[in-house]
Full PDB file with SEQRES, HELIX, SHEET, SSBOND, CRYST1, ORIGX, SCALE, CONECT and MASTER records, all heavy atoms in Angstrom:
SEQRES   1 A   29  ASP LEU HIS ALA ARG ARG GLN VAL LEU ALA PHE VAL THR          
SEQRES   2 A   29  GLU GLU THR VAL VAL THR LYS LEU PHE ASP GLU ILE ALA          
SEQRES   3 A   29  PRO GLN TYR                                                  
HELIX    1 AA1 LEU A    2  PHE A   11  1                                  10    
HELIX    2 AA2 GLU A   15  LYS A   20  1                                   6    
HELIX    3 AA3 LEU A   21  ILE A   25  3                                   5    
HELIX    4 AA4 ALA A   26  GLN A   28  1                                   3    
CRYST1    1.000    1.000    1.000  90.00  90.00  90.00 P 1           1          
ORIGX1      1.000000  0.000000  0.000000        0.00000                         
ORIGX2      0.000000  1.000000  0.000000        0.00000                         
ORIGX3      0.000000  0.000000  1.000000        0.00000                         
SCALE1      1.000000  0.000000  0.000000        0.00000                         
SCALE2      0.000000  1.000000  0.000000        0.00000                         
SCALE3      0.000000  0.000000  1.000000        0.00000                         
ATOM      1  N   ASP A   1     130.759 172.169 -47.208  1.00  0.00           N  
ATOM      2  CA  ASP A   1     129.307 172.064 -47.159  1.00  0.00           C  
ATOM      3  C   ASP A   1     128.638 173.373 -47.599  1.00  0.00           C  
ATOM      4  O   ASP A   1     129.310 174.363 -47.889  1.00  0.00           O  
ATOM      5  CB  ASP A   1     128.827 171.648 -45.760  1.00  0.00           C  
ATOM      6  CG  ASP A   1     129.281 172.609 -44.679  1.00  0.00           C  
ATOM      7  OD1 ASP A   1     130.089 173.490 -44.981  1.00  0.00           O  
ATOM      8  OD2 ASP A   1     128.818 172.461 -43.522  1.00  0.00           O  
ATOM      9  N   LEU A   2     127.318 173.359 -47.653  1.00  0.00           N  
ATOM     10  CA  LEU A   2     126.571 174.504 -48.160  1.00  0.00           C  
ATOM     11  C   LEU A   2     126.731 175.730 -47.264  1.00  0.00           C  
ATOM     12  O   LEU A   2     126.878 176.849 -47.754  1.00  0.00           O  
ATOM     13  CB  LEU A   2     125.089 174.142 -48.296  1.00  0.00           C  
ATOM     14  CG  LEU A   2     124.161 175.240 -48.812  1.00  0.00           C  
ATOM     15  CD1 LEU A   2     124.580 175.652 -50.223  1.00  0.00           C  
ATOM     16  CD2 LEU A   2     122.723 174.766 -48.791  1.00  0.00           C  
ATOM     17  N   HIS A   3     126.726 175.512 -45.953  1.00  0.00           N  
ATOM     18  CA  HIS A   3     126.868 176.642 -45.035  1.00  0.00           C  
ATOM     19  C   HIS A   3     128.225 177.318 -45.198  1.00  0.00           C  
ATOM     20  O   HIS A   3     128.323 178.552 -45.198  1.00  0.00           O  
ATOM     21  CB  HIS A   3     126.674 176.170 -43.594  1.00  0.00           C  
ATOM     22  CG  HIS A   3     126.753 177.263 -42.582  1.00  0.00           C  
ATOM     23  ND1 HIS A   3     125.933 178.358 -42.609  1.00  0.00           N  
ATOM     24  CD2 HIS A   3     127.572 177.441 -41.517  1.00  0.00           C  
ATOM     25  CE1 HIS A   3     126.222 179.155 -41.603  1.00  0.00           C  
ATOM     26  NE2 HIS A   3     127.234 178.622 -40.930  1.00  0.00           N  
ATOM     27  N   ALA A   4     129.278 176.527 -45.369  1.00  0.00           N  
ATOM     28  CA  ALA A   4     130.617 177.090 -45.577  1.00  0.00           C  
ATOM     29  C   ALA A   4     130.664 177.874 -46.884  1.00  0.00           C  
ATOM     30  O   ALA A   4     131.252 178.961 -46.946  1.00  0.00           O  
ATOM     31  CB  ALA A   4     131.664 175.979 -45.581  1.00  0.00           C  
ATOM     32  N   ARG A   5     130.031 177.349 -47.934  1.00  0.00           N  
ATOM     33  CA  ARG A   5     130.017 178.048 -49.222  1.00  0.00           C  
ATOM     34  C   ARG A   5     129.301 179.394 -49.102  1.00  0.00           C  
ATOM     35  O   ARG A   5     129.764 180.397 -49.637  1.00  0.00           O  
ATOM     36  CB  ARG A   5     129.340 177.192 -50.289  1.00  0.00           C  
ATOM     37  CG  ARG A   5     129.342 177.809 -51.667  1.00  0.00           C  
ATOM     38  CD  ARG A   5     128.713 176.897 -52.689  1.00  0.00           C  
ATOM     39  NE  ARG A   5     129.531 175.745 -52.985  1.00  0.00           N  
ATOM     40  CZ  ARG A   5     130.458 175.703 -53.953  1.00  0.00           C  
ATOM     41  NH1 ARG A   5     130.661 176.753 -54.703  1.00  0.00           N  
ATOM     42  NH2 ARG A   5     131.159 174.608 -54.155  1.00  0.00           N  
ATOM     43  N   ARG A   6     128.215 179.432 -48.350  1.00  0.00           N  
ATOM     44  CA  ARG A   6     127.488 180.684 -48.177  1.00  0.00           C  
ATOM     45  C   ARG A   6     128.273 181.676 -47.328  1.00  0.00           C  
ATOM     46  O   ARG A   6     128.207 182.887 -47.567  1.00  0.00           O  
ATOM     47  CB  ARG A   6     126.117 180.413 -47.562  1.00  0.00           C  
ATOM     48  CG  ARG A   6     125.176 179.799 -48.569  1.00  0.00           C  
ATOM     49  CD  ARG A   6     123.817 179.539 -48.001  1.00  0.00           C  
ATOM     50  NE  ARG A   6     122.920 179.047 -49.050  1.00  0.00           N  
ATOM     51  CZ  ARG A   6     121.778 178.459 -48.816  1.00  0.00           C  
ATOM     52  NH1 ARG A   6     121.360 178.274 -47.582  1.00  0.00           N  
ATOM     53  NH2 ARG A   6     121.034 178.041 -49.808  1.00  0.00           N  
ATOM     54  N   GLN A   7     129.023 181.184 -46.352  1.00  0.00           N  
ATOM     55  CA  GLN A   7     129.863 182.069 -45.552  1.00  0.00           C  
ATOM     56  C   GLN A   7     130.948 182.699 -46.414  1.00  0.00           C  
ATOM     57  O   GLN A   7     131.257 183.885 -46.289  1.00  0.00           O  
ATOM     58  CB  GLN A   7     130.491 181.308 -44.387  1.00  0.00           C  
ATOM     59  CG  GLN A   7     129.528 181.022 -43.266  1.00  0.00           C  
ATOM     60  CD  GLN A   7     130.192 180.251 -42.151  1.00  0.00           C  
ATOM     61  OE1 GLN A   7     130.855 179.249 -42.385  1.00  0.00           O  
ATOM     62  NE2 GLN A   7     129.997 180.726 -40.928  1.00  0.00           N  
ATOM     63  N   VAL A   8     131.551 181.904 -47.300  1.00  0.00           N  
ATOM     64  CA  VAL A   8     132.583 182.430 -48.192  1.00  0.00           C  
ATOM     65  C   VAL A   8     131.964 183.404 -49.188  1.00  0.00           C  
ATOM     66  O   VAL A   8     132.528 184.466 -49.471  1.00  0.00           O  
ATOM     67  CB  VAL A   8     133.329 181.283 -48.917  1.00  0.00           C  
ATOM     68  CG1 VAL A   8     134.284 181.825 -49.956  1.00  0.00           C  
ATOM     69  CG2 VAL A   8     134.080 180.422 -47.916  1.00  0.00           C  
ATOM     70  N   LEU A   9     130.791 183.084 -49.722  1.00  0.00           N  
ATOM     71  CA  LEU A   9     130.112 183.978 -50.657  1.00  0.00           C  
ATOM     72  C   LEU A   9     129.766 185.322 -50.017  1.00  0.00           C  
ATOM     73  O   LEU A   9     129.704 186.336 -50.705  1.00  0.00           O  
ATOM     74  CB  LEU A   9     128.829 183.331 -51.175  1.00  0.00           C  
ATOM     75  CG  LEU A   9     128.981 182.430 -52.385  1.00  0.00           C  
ATOM     76  CD1 LEU A   9     127.719 181.627 -52.615  1.00  0.00           C  
ATOM     77  CD2 LEU A   9     129.318 183.241 -53.617  1.00  0.00           C  
ATOM     78  N   ALA A  10     129.557 185.340 -48.703  1.00  0.00           N  
ATOM     79  CA  ALA A  10     129.249 186.584 -48.015  1.00  0.00           C  
ATOM     80  C   ALA A  10     130.471 187.491 -47.926  1.00  0.00           C  
ATOM     81  O   ALA A  10     130.340 188.698 -47.757  1.00  0.00           O  
ATOM     82  CB  ALA A  10     128.730 186.291 -46.608  1.00  0.00           C  
ATOM     83  N   PHE A  11     131.680 186.926 -48.072  1.00  0.00           N  
ATOM     84  CA  PHE A  11     132.890 187.732 -47.947  1.00  0.00           C  
ATOM     85  C   PHE A  11     133.575 187.964 -49.287  1.00  0.00           C  
ATOM     86  O   PHE A  11     133.941 189.078 -49.625  1.00  0.00           O  
ATOM     87  CB  PHE A  11     133.874 187.069 -46.972  1.00  0.00           C  
ATOM     88  CG  PHE A  11     134.985 187.973 -46.559  1.00  0.00           C  
ATOM     89  CD1 PHE A  11     134.802 188.906 -45.552  1.00  0.00           C  
ATOM     90  CD2 PHE A  11     136.215 187.936 -47.189  1.00  0.00           C  
ATOM     91  CE1 PHE A  11     135.810 189.762 -45.177  1.00  0.00           C  
ATOM     92  CE2 PHE A  11     137.237 188.785 -46.828  1.00  0.00           C  
ATOM     93  CZ  PHE A  11     137.033 189.706 -45.816  1.00  0.00           C  
ATOM     94  N   VAL A  12     133.773 186.925 -50.066  1.00  0.00           N  
ATOM     95  CA  VAL A  12     134.461 187.028 -51.358  1.00  0.00           C  
ATOM     96  C   VAL A  12     133.522 187.665 -52.365  1.00  0.00           C  
ATOM     97  O   VAL A  12     132.325 187.360 -52.402  1.00  0.00           O  
ATOM     98  CB  VAL A  12     134.931 185.639 -51.832  1.00  0.00           C  
ATOM     99  CG1 VAL A  12     135.539 185.701 -53.212  1.00  0.00           C  
ATOM    100  CG2 VAL A  12     135.945 185.069 -50.849  1.00  0.00           C  
ATOM    101  N   THR A  13     134.056 188.555 -53.197  1.00  0.00           N  
ATOM    102  CA  THR A  13     133.206 189.388 -54.046  1.00  0.00           C  
ATOM    103  C   THR A  13     132.840 188.763 -55.387  1.00  0.00           C  
ATOM    104  O   THR A  13     131.980 189.304 -56.078  1.00  0.00           O  
ATOM    105  CB  THR A  13     133.889 190.740 -54.311  1.00  0.00           C  
ATOM    106  OG1 THR A  13     135.161 190.511 -54.926  1.00  0.00           O  
ATOM    107  CG2 THR A  13     134.086 191.505 -53.025  1.00  0.00           C  
ATOM    108  N   GLU A  14     133.447 187.653 -55.786  1.00  0.00           N  
ATOM    109  CA  GLU A  14     133.153 187.053 -57.090  1.00  0.00           C  
ATOM    110  C   GLU A  14     132.798 185.585 -56.931  1.00  0.00           C  
ATOM    111  O   GLU A  14     133.513 184.836 -56.275  1.00  0.00           O  
ATOM    112  CB  GLU A  14     134.357 187.185 -58.026  1.00  0.00           C  
ATOM    113  CG  GLU A  14     134.713 188.607 -58.385  1.00  0.00           C  
ATOM    114  CD  GLU A  14     135.900 188.692 -59.329  1.00  0.00           C  
ATOM    115  OE1 GLU A  14     136.169 187.693 -60.029  1.00  0.00           O  
ATOM    116  OE2 GLU A  14     136.532 189.744 -59.345  1.00  0.00           O  
ATOM    117  N   GLU A  15     131.716 185.178 -57.575  1.00  0.00           N  
ATOM    118  CA  GLU A  15     131.261 183.790 -57.476  1.00  0.00           C  
ATOM    119  C   GLU A  15     132.229 182.823 -58.143  1.00  0.00           C  
ATOM    120  O   GLU A  15     132.376 181.685 -57.697  1.00  0.00           O  
ATOM    121  CB  GLU A  15     129.872 183.638 -58.090  1.00  0.00           C  
ATOM    122  CG  GLU A  15     128.785 184.291 -57.272  1.00  0.00           C  
ATOM    123  CD  GLU A  15     127.401 184.013 -57.825  1.00  0.00           C  
ATOM    124  OE1 GLU A  15     127.203 182.948 -58.450  1.00  0.00           O  
ATOM    125  OE2 GLU A  15     126.531 184.868 -57.619  1.00  0.00           O  
ATOM    126  N   THR A  16     132.895 183.258 -59.205  1.00  0.00           N  
ATOM    127  CA  THR A  16     133.844 182.373 -59.880  1.00  0.00           C  
ATOM    128  C   THR A  16     135.022 182.035 -58.974  1.00  0.00           C  
ATOM    129  O   THR A  16     135.550 180.928 -59.020  1.00  0.00           O  
ATOM    130  CB  THR A  16     134.368 183.020 -61.172  1.00  0.00           C  
ATOM    131  OG1 THR A  16     134.934 184.297 -60.867  1.00  0.00           O  
ATOM    132  CG2 THR A  16     133.243 183.212 -62.173  1.00  0.00           C  
ATOM    133  N   VAL A  17     135.413 182.981 -58.131  1.00  0.00           N  
ATOM    134  CA  VAL A  17     136.515 182.747 -57.198  1.00  0.00           C  
ATOM    135  C   VAL A  17     136.083 181.753 -56.125  1.00  0.00           C  
ATOM    136  O   VAL A  17     136.865 180.889 -55.709  1.00  0.00           O  
ATOM    137  CB  VAL A  17     136.996 184.071 -56.569  1.00  0.00           C  
ATOM    138  CG1 VAL A  17     138.060 183.825 -55.528  1.00  0.00           C  
ATOM    139  CG2 VAL A  17     137.519 184.997 -57.655  1.00  0.00           C  
ATOM    140  N   VAL A  18     134.825 181.834 -55.694  1.00  0.00           N  
ATOM    141  CA  VAL A  18     134.318 180.884 -54.700  1.00  0.00           C  
ATOM    142  C   VAL A  18     134.304 179.477 -55.287  1.00  0.00           C  
ATOM    143  O   VAL A  18     134.705 178.510 -54.627  1.00  0.00           O  
ATOM    144  CB  VAL A  18     132.907 181.303 -54.222  1.00  0.00           C  
ATOM    145  CG1 VAL A  18     132.312 180.257 -53.296  1.00  0.00           C  
ATOM    146  CG2 VAL A  18     132.974 182.643 -53.531  1.00  0.00           C  
ATOM    147  N   THR A  19     133.873 179.359 -56.532  1.00  0.00           N  
ATOM    148  CA  THR A  19     133.875 178.054 -57.198  1.00  0.00           C  
ATOM    149  C   THR A  19     135.292 177.516 -57.316  1.00  0.00           C  
ATOM    150  O   THR A  19     135.537 176.332 -57.051  1.00  0.00           O  
ATOM    151  CB  THR A  19     133.234 178.184 -58.598  1.00  0.00           C  
ATOM    152  OG1 THR A  19     131.935 178.743 -58.456  1.00  0.00           O  
ATOM    153  CG2 THR A  19     133.151 176.834 -59.281  1.00  0.00           C  
ATOM    154  N   LYS A  20     136.226 178.375 -57.671  1.00  0.00           N  
ATOM    155  CA  LYS A  20     137.624 177.961 -57.769  1.00  0.00           C  
ATOM    156  C   LYS A  20     138.160 177.536 -56.407  1.00  0.00           C  
ATOM    157  O   LYS A  20     138.879 176.540 -56.300  1.00  0.00           O  
ATOM    158  CB  LYS A  20     138.473 179.114 -58.326  1.00  0.00           C  
ATOM    159  CG  LYS A  20     139.934 178.782 -58.479  1.00  0.00           C  
ATOM    160  CD  LYS A  20     140.722 179.940 -59.064  1.00  0.00           C  
ATOM    161  CE  LYS A  20     142.191 179.584 -59.167  1.00  0.00           C  
ATOM    162  NZ  LYS A  20     142.986 180.691 -59.704  1.00  0.00           N  
ATOM    163  N   LEU A  21     137.782 178.254 -55.353  1.00  0.00           N  
ATOM    164  CA  LEU A  21     138.232 177.907 -54.005  1.00  0.00           C  
ATOM    165  C   LEU A  21     137.755 176.527 -53.609  1.00  0.00           C  
ATOM    166  O   LEU A  21     138.545 175.707 -53.125  1.00  0.00           O  
ATOM    167  CB  LEU A  21     137.726 178.952 -53.001  1.00  0.00           C  
ATOM    168  CG  LEU A  21     137.920 178.632 -51.518  1.00  0.00           C  
ATOM    169  CD1 LEU A  21     139.396 178.602 -51.170  1.00  0.00           C  
ATOM    170  CD2 LEU A  21     137.193 179.642 -50.659  1.00  0.00           C  
ATOM    171  N   PHE A  22     136.485 176.234 -53.828  1.00  0.00           N  
ATOM    172  CA  PHE A  22     135.928 174.957 -53.398  1.00  0.00           C  
ATOM    173  C   PHE A  22     136.340 173.793 -54.304  1.00  0.00           C  
ATOM    174  O   PHE A  22     136.467 172.671 -53.832  1.00  0.00           O  
ATOM    175  CB  PHE A  22     134.401 175.048 -53.313  1.00  0.00           C  
ATOM    176  CG  PHE A  22     133.920 175.664 -52.032  1.00  0.00           C  
ATOM    177  CD1 PHE A  22     133.890 177.039 -51.877  1.00  0.00           C  
ATOM    178  CD2 PHE A  22     133.518 174.872 -50.974  1.00  0.00           C  
ATOM    179  CE1 PHE A  22     133.456 177.613 -50.700  1.00  0.00           C  
ATOM    180  CE2 PHE A  22     133.089 175.436 -49.785  1.00  0.00           C  
ATOM    181  CZ  PHE A  22     133.056 176.807 -49.643  1.00  0.00           C  
ATOM    182  N   ASP A  23     136.551 174.054 -55.596  1.00  0.00           N  
ATOM    183  CA  ASP A  23     136.843 172.967 -56.536  1.00  0.00           C  
ATOM    184  C   ASP A  23     138.331 172.712 -56.731  1.00  0.00           C  
ATOM    185  O   ASP A  23     138.739 171.570 -56.958  1.00  0.00           O  
ATOM    186  CB  ASP A  23     136.205 173.259 -57.896  1.00  0.00           C  
ATOM    187  CG  ASP A  23     134.687 173.268 -57.826  1.00  0.00           C  
ATOM    188  OD1 ASP A  23     134.137 172.759 -56.827  1.00  0.00           O  
ATOM    189  OD2 ASP A  23     134.056 173.797 -58.766  1.00  0.00           O  
ATOM    190  N   GLU A  24     139.171 173.764 -56.662  1.00  0.00           N  
ATOM    191  CA  GLU A  24     140.588 173.603 -56.976  1.00  0.00           C  
ATOM    192  C   GLU A  24     141.507 173.854 -55.785  1.00  0.00           C  
ATOM    193  O   GLU A  24     142.389 173.055 -55.513  1.00  0.00           O  
ATOM    194  CB  GLU A  24     140.978 174.568 -58.109  1.00  0.00           C  
ATOM    195  CG  GLU A  24     140.227 174.331 -59.406  1.00  0.00           C  
ATOM    196  CD  GLU A  24     140.496 175.407 -60.435  1.00  0.00           C  
ATOM    197  OE1 GLU A  24     141.527 176.090 -60.334  1.00  0.00           O  
ATOM    198  OE2 GLU A  24     139.669 175.569 -61.346  1.00  0.00           O  
ATOM    199  N   ILE A  25     141.314 174.969 -55.094  1.00  0.00           N  
ATOM    200  CA  ILE A  25     142.273 175.369 -54.055  1.00  0.00           C  
ATOM    201  C   ILE A  25     142.148 174.517 -52.805  1.00  0.00           C  
ATOM    202  O   ILE A  25     143.150 173.980 -52.309  1.00  0.00           O  
ATOM    203  CB  ILE A  25     142.090 176.871 -53.721  1.00  0.00           C  
ATOM    204  CG1 ILE A  25     142.402 177.721 -54.956  1.00  0.00           C  
ATOM    205  CG2 ILE A  25     142.993 177.272 -52.575  1.00  0.00           C  
ATOM    206  CD1 ILE A  25     142.072 179.183 -54.810  1.00  0.00           C  
ATOM    207  N   ALA A  26     140.943 174.388 -52.265  1.00  0.00           N  
ATOM    208  CA  ALA A  26     140.755 173.664 -51.007  1.00  0.00           C  
ATOM    209  C   ALA A  26     141.183 172.196 -51.085  1.00  0.00           C  
ATOM    210  O   ALA A  26     141.824 171.701 -50.143  1.00  0.00           O  
ATOM    211  CB  ALA A  26     139.312 173.793 -50.543  1.00  0.00           C  
ATOM    212  N   PRO A  27     140.888 171.454 -52.158  1.00  0.00           N  
ATOM    213  CA  PRO A  27     141.348 170.059 -52.207  1.00  0.00           C  
ATOM    214  C   PRO A  27     142.875 169.907 -52.185  1.00  0.00           C  
ATOM    215  O   PRO A  27     143.385 168.882 -51.725  1.00  0.00           O  
ATOM    216  CB  PRO A  27     140.775 169.536 -53.531  1.00  0.00           C  
ATOM    217  CG  PRO A  27     139.581 170.380 -53.774  1.00  0.00           C  
ATOM    218  CD  PRO A  27     139.949 171.731 -53.254  1.00  0.00           C  
ATOM    219  N   GLN A  28     143.601 170.936 -52.643  1.00  0.00           N  
ATOM    220  CA  GLN A  28     145.064 170.863 -52.590  1.00  0.00           C  
ATOM    221  C   GLN A  28     145.578 170.840 -51.157  1.00  0.00           C  
ATOM    222  O   GLN A  28     146.634 170.282 -50.880  1.00  0.00           O  
ATOM    223  CB  GLN A  28     145.694 172.062 -53.301  1.00  0.00           C  
ATOM    224  CG  GLN A  28     145.512 172.079 -54.790  1.00  0.00           C  
ATOM    225  CD  GLN A  28     146.091 173.341 -55.409  1.00  0.00           C  
ATOM    226  OE1 GLN A  28     146.451 174.283 -54.719  1.00  0.00           O  
ATOM    227  NE2 GLN A  28     146.162 173.358 -56.742  1.00  0.00           N  
ATOM    228  N   TYR A  29     144.821 171.468 -50.241  1.00  0.00           N  
ATOM    229  CA  TYR A  29     145.248 171.583 -48.859  1.00  0.00           C  
ATOM    230  C   TYR A  29     144.504 170.625 -47.939  1.00  0.00           C  
ATOM    231  O   TYR A  29     144.439 170.847 -46.727  1.00  0.00           O  
ATOM    232  CB  TYR A  29     145.052 173.015 -48.369  1.00  0.00           C  
ATOM    233  CG  TYR A  29     145.832 174.028 -49.170  1.00  0.00           C  
ATOM    234  CD1 TYR A  29     145.172 174.971 -49.955  1.00  0.00           C  
ATOM    235  CD2 TYR A  29     147.216 174.046 -49.147  1.00  0.00           C  
ATOM    236  CE1 TYR A  29     145.882 175.899 -50.692  1.00  0.00           C  
ATOM    237  CE2 TYR A  29     147.924 174.963 -49.886  1.00  0.00           C  
ATOM    238  CZ  TYR A  29     147.255 175.888 -50.651  1.00  0.00           C  
ATOM    239  OH  TYR A  29     147.951 176.799 -51.374  1.00  0.00           O  
TER     240      TYR A  29                                                      
MASTER        0    0    0    4    0    0    0    6  239    1    0    3          
END                                                                             
């Protein structure tokens, strides 16, 4: 959800990595 994405954006330093986390990495798990 949006709140989780903003929490990750507050810690991870690159937006492309956040997009990769939500679109590719998280669905694998």
